[in-house]
Amino acid sequence: MKDERKLLDVLKAELEFLEGGGYSNRARFPWRPNFVFEDSPTCLKFAAKEAPPPCSDCLLMQFVPEDRKKLAYPCRQIPLTPAGESVAHYYSCGTEKELEAALKGWLQGKIEDRGIGSRRKCTNARRVIVRVVQLDLGIWLGGFAEATKAKALLSHSKSRAPGATTAPGAP
């Protein structure tokens, strides 16, 4: 069964778990450090009582390099830095604090990328709507300059028409 969650929601939940001290809290497995992604509630296997789903069903697999997707713990292969330092790299060469800092930066970057993408779509849609309205008004009014002239002529002709009244403060 494929992961039906939304990627942005998973990334935000992971960041919230990290910032809430989820990996520092060893209550679940007090005899060992917590594993990034694997010991998070965002992991598909986290609360699985029976046969856990395969990692290949997880949304995070899209961040795992192709040549590492078949490994036992593919989420450990996710590159967190531009230099390609993965979770596994920090397990062997880094500290827990370095790993958490890299993970936080990676999550914030991915969330920002997806958030900007959503805002861009929304902004582009607004631009299209505004442009269509402008075009409709432009066609209807014959363009801004013509509309201004028409308004001036209309107000001038109203003031000369017999029985014409103008609103207080109108030219």
Protein backbone atom coordinates (compact mmCIF):
# COMPACT_ATOMS: atom_id res chain seq x y z
CA MET A 1 0.00 0.00 0.00
CA LYS A 2 1.53 3.31 -1.11
CA ASP A 3 1.96 6.19 1.31
CA GLU A 4 -1.13 8.40 0.89
CA ARG A 5 0.16 11.27 3.03
CA LYS A 6 1.18 14.62 1.55
CA LEU A 7 4.91 15.17 1.39
CA LEU A 8 4.76 18.71 2.77
CA ASP A 9 2.79 17.46 5.79
CA VAL A 10 5.32 14.69 6.43
CA LEU A 11 8.26 17.10 6.21
CA LYS A 12 6.57 19.56 8.58
CA ALA A 13 5.73 16.78 11.05
CA GLU A 14 9.32 15.55 10.94
CA LEU A 15 10.63 19.07 11.62
CA GLU A 16 8.18 19.47 14.49
CA PHE A 17 9.30 16.13 15.95
CA LEU A 18 12.96 17.14 15.65
CA GLU A 19 12.44 20.60 17.15
CA GLY A 20 10.36 19.10 19.95
CA GLY A 21 13.34 17.01 21.03
CA GLY A 22 11.96 13.77 19.61
CA TYR A 23 15.37 12.39 18.74
CA SER A 24 16.92 13.51 22.02
CA ASN A 25 14.23 11.77 24.05
CA ARG A 26 15.23 8.13 24.48
CA ALA A 27 12.02 6.98 26.18
CA ARG A 28 11.10 4.56 23.39
CA PHE A 29 14.50 2.82 23.24
CA PRO A 30 16.53 3.95 26.27
CA TRP A 31 19.44 1.57 25.50
CA ARG A 32 20.33 3.11 22.11
CA PRO A 33 20.23 6.43 20.29
CA ASN A 34 17.17 7.16 18.23
CA PHE A 35 17.55 6.73 14.49
CA VAL A 36 16.62 9.65 12.27
CA PHE A 37 13.45 8.99 10.27
CA GLU A 38 13.17 5.39 11.52
CA ASP A 39 12.30 6.34 15.11
CA SER A 40 10.01 9.16 14.11
CA PRO A 41 6.21 9.01 14.03
CA THR A 42 6.52 9.99 10.36
CA CYS A 43 7.99 6.55 9.58
CA LEU A 44 5.47 4.12 8.12
CA LYS A 45 6.93 1.38 10.33
CA PHE A 46 6.82 3.44 13.54
CA ALA A 47 3.55 2.10 14.93
CA ALA A 48 3.15 -1.00 12.75
CA LYS A 49 2.13 -3.91 14.96
CA GLU A 50 2.01 -6.54 12.26
CA ALA A 51 3.87 -6.79 8.96
CA PRO A 52 5.28 -3.30 8.47
CA PRO A 53 5.01 -1.73 5.04
CA PRO A 54 8.15 -1.74 2.89
CA CYS A 55 10.33 1.37 2.81
CA SER A 56 9.66 1.60 -0.92
CA ASP A 57 6.14 2.83 -0.01
CA CYS A 58 7.47 5.82 1.92
CA LEU A 59 7.26 9.36 0.50
CA LEU A 60 10.85 10.04 1.57
CA MET A 61 12.15 7.46 -0.92
CA GLN A 62 12.13 10.18 -3.58
CA PHE A 63 15.10 11.74 -1.75
CA VAL A 64 17.13 8.52 -1.65
CA PRO A 65 19.70 8.19 -4.46
CA GLU A 66 18.65 5.51 -6.98
CA ASP A 67 21.67 3.30 -6.34
CA ARG A 68 20.89 3.16 -2.59
CA LYS A 69 17.16 2.44 -2.63
CA LYS A 70 17.64 -1.32 -2.19
CA LEU A 71 19.68 -1.01 1.02
CA ALA A 72 18.20 -2.17 4.34
CA TYR A 73 17.66 1.37 5.64
CA PRO A 74 17.31 3.59 2.57
CA CYS A 75 16.29 6.68 4.56
CA ARG A 76 19.77 6.70 6.09
CA GLN A 77 21.10 7.39 2.59
CA ILE A 78 19.21 10.68 2.11
CA PRO A 79 21.79 13.42 1.43
CA LEU A 80 21.20 16.23 3.92
CA THR A 81 23.84 18.69 2.75
CA PRO A 82 24.94 20.07 -0.61
CA ALA A 83 28.16 18.09 -0.14
CA GLY A 84 26.06 14.90 -0.09
CA GLU A 85 26.53 14.09 3.59
CA SER A 86 23.79 11.62 4.42
CA VAL A 87 22.23 10.43 7.65
CA ALA A 88 24.56 7.39 7.43
CA HIS A 89 27.56 9.73 7.07
CA TYR A 90 26.69 11.43 10.36
CA TYR A 91 26.20 8.06 12.07
CA SER A 92 29.76 7.11 11.20
CA CYS A 93 31.59 10.46 11.15
CA GLY A 94 29.54 13.04 12.99
CA THR A 95 27.86 13.83 16.25
CA GLU A 96 24.21 13.72 17.15
CA LYS A 97 24.11 17.53 17.26
CA GLU A 98 25.69 17.80 13.80
CA LEU A 99 23.19 15.30 12.43
CA GLU A 100 20.24 17.15 13.96
CA ALA A 101 21.52 20.49 12.63
CA ALA A 102 21.95 19.07 9.12
CA LEU A 103 18.53 17.40 9.29
CA LYS A 104 16.89 20.62 10.46
CA GLY A 105 18.47 22.58 7.62
CA TRP A 106 17.48 19.95 5.08
CA LEU A 107 13.88 19.80 6.31
CA GLN A 108 13.54 23.59 6.36
CA GLY A 109 14.93 23.77 2.83
CA LYS A 110 12.56 21.10 1.50
CA ILE A 111 9.58 22.69 3.25
CA GLU A 112 10.51 26.10 1.86
CA ASP A 113 10.92 24.66 -1.64
CA ARG A 114 7.46 23.12 -1.51
CA GLY A 115 5.88 26.12 0.19
CA ILE A 116 7.27 28.53 -2.40
CA GLY A 117 6.06 26.25 -5.16
CA SER A 118 2.53 26.40 -3.75
CA ARG A 119 2.68 30.16 -3.31
CA ARG A 120 4.07 30.58 -6.82
CA LYS A 121 1.14 28.64 -8.27
CA CYS A 122 -1.27 30.77 -6.28
CA THR A 123 0.47 34.04 -7.24
CA ASN A 124 0.55 33.03 -10.90
CA ALA A 125 -3.15 32.21 -10.78
CA ARG A 126 -3.85 35.63 -9.24
CA ARG A 127 -1.76 37.32 -11.95
CA VAL A 128 -3.74 35.54 -14.66
CA ILE A 129 -7.04 36.55 -13.07
CA VAL A 130 -5.93 40.16 -12.65
CA ARG A 131 -4.67 40.27 -16.24
CA VAL A 132 -7.94 38.85 -17.59
CA VAL A 133 -9.92 41.41 -15.60
CA GLN A 134 -7.62 44.15 -16.89
CA LEU A 135 -8.06 42.93 -20.45
CA ASP A 136 -11.83 42.71 -20.05
CA LEU A 137 -11.97 46.22 -18.62
CA GLY A 138 -9.58 47.47 -21.27
CA ILE A 139 -11.68 46.04 -24.06
CA TRP A 140 -14.91 47.18 -22.45
CA LEU A 141 -13.59 50.68 -21.76
CA GLY A 142 -11.40 50.87 -24.82
CA GLY A 143 -8.22 51.15 -22.79
CA PHE A 144 -7.28 53.28 -19.81
CA ALA A 145 -6.61 56.50 -21.70
CA GLU A 146 -9.86 56.21 -23.60
CA ALA A 147 -11.71 55.36 -20.39
CA THR A 148 -10.35 58.50 -18.73
CA LYS A 149 -11.40 60.60 -21.72
CA ALA A 150 -14.82 58.93 -21.77
CA LYS A 151 -15.30 59.63 -18.07
CA ALA A 152 -14.36 63.27 -18.55
CA LEU A 153 -16.69 63.62 -21.54
CA LEU A 154 -19.49 61.85 -19.68
CA SER A 155 -19.19 64.04 -16.62
CA HIS A 156 -18.93 67.15 -18.85
CA SER A 157 -22.00 66.17 -20.86
CA LYS A 158 -23.97 65.36 -17.70
CA SER A 159 -23.28 68.80 -16.32
CA ARG A 160 -24.60 70.41 -19.55
CA ALA A 161 -27.66 68.19 -19.91
CA PRO A 162 -30.94 69.75 -18.83
CA GLY A 163 -31.90 68.53 -15.36
CA ALA A 164 -28.50 66.84 -14.87
CA THR A 165 -27.20 66.69 -11.36
CA THR A 166 -23.80 65.77 -10.14
CA ALA A 167 -22.83 64.17 -6.88
CA PRO A 168 -21.43 66.52 -4.25
CA GLY A 169 -17.68 66.85 -4.70
CA ALA A 170 -17.77 65.46 -8.27
CA PRO A 171 -16.01 67.52 -11.00
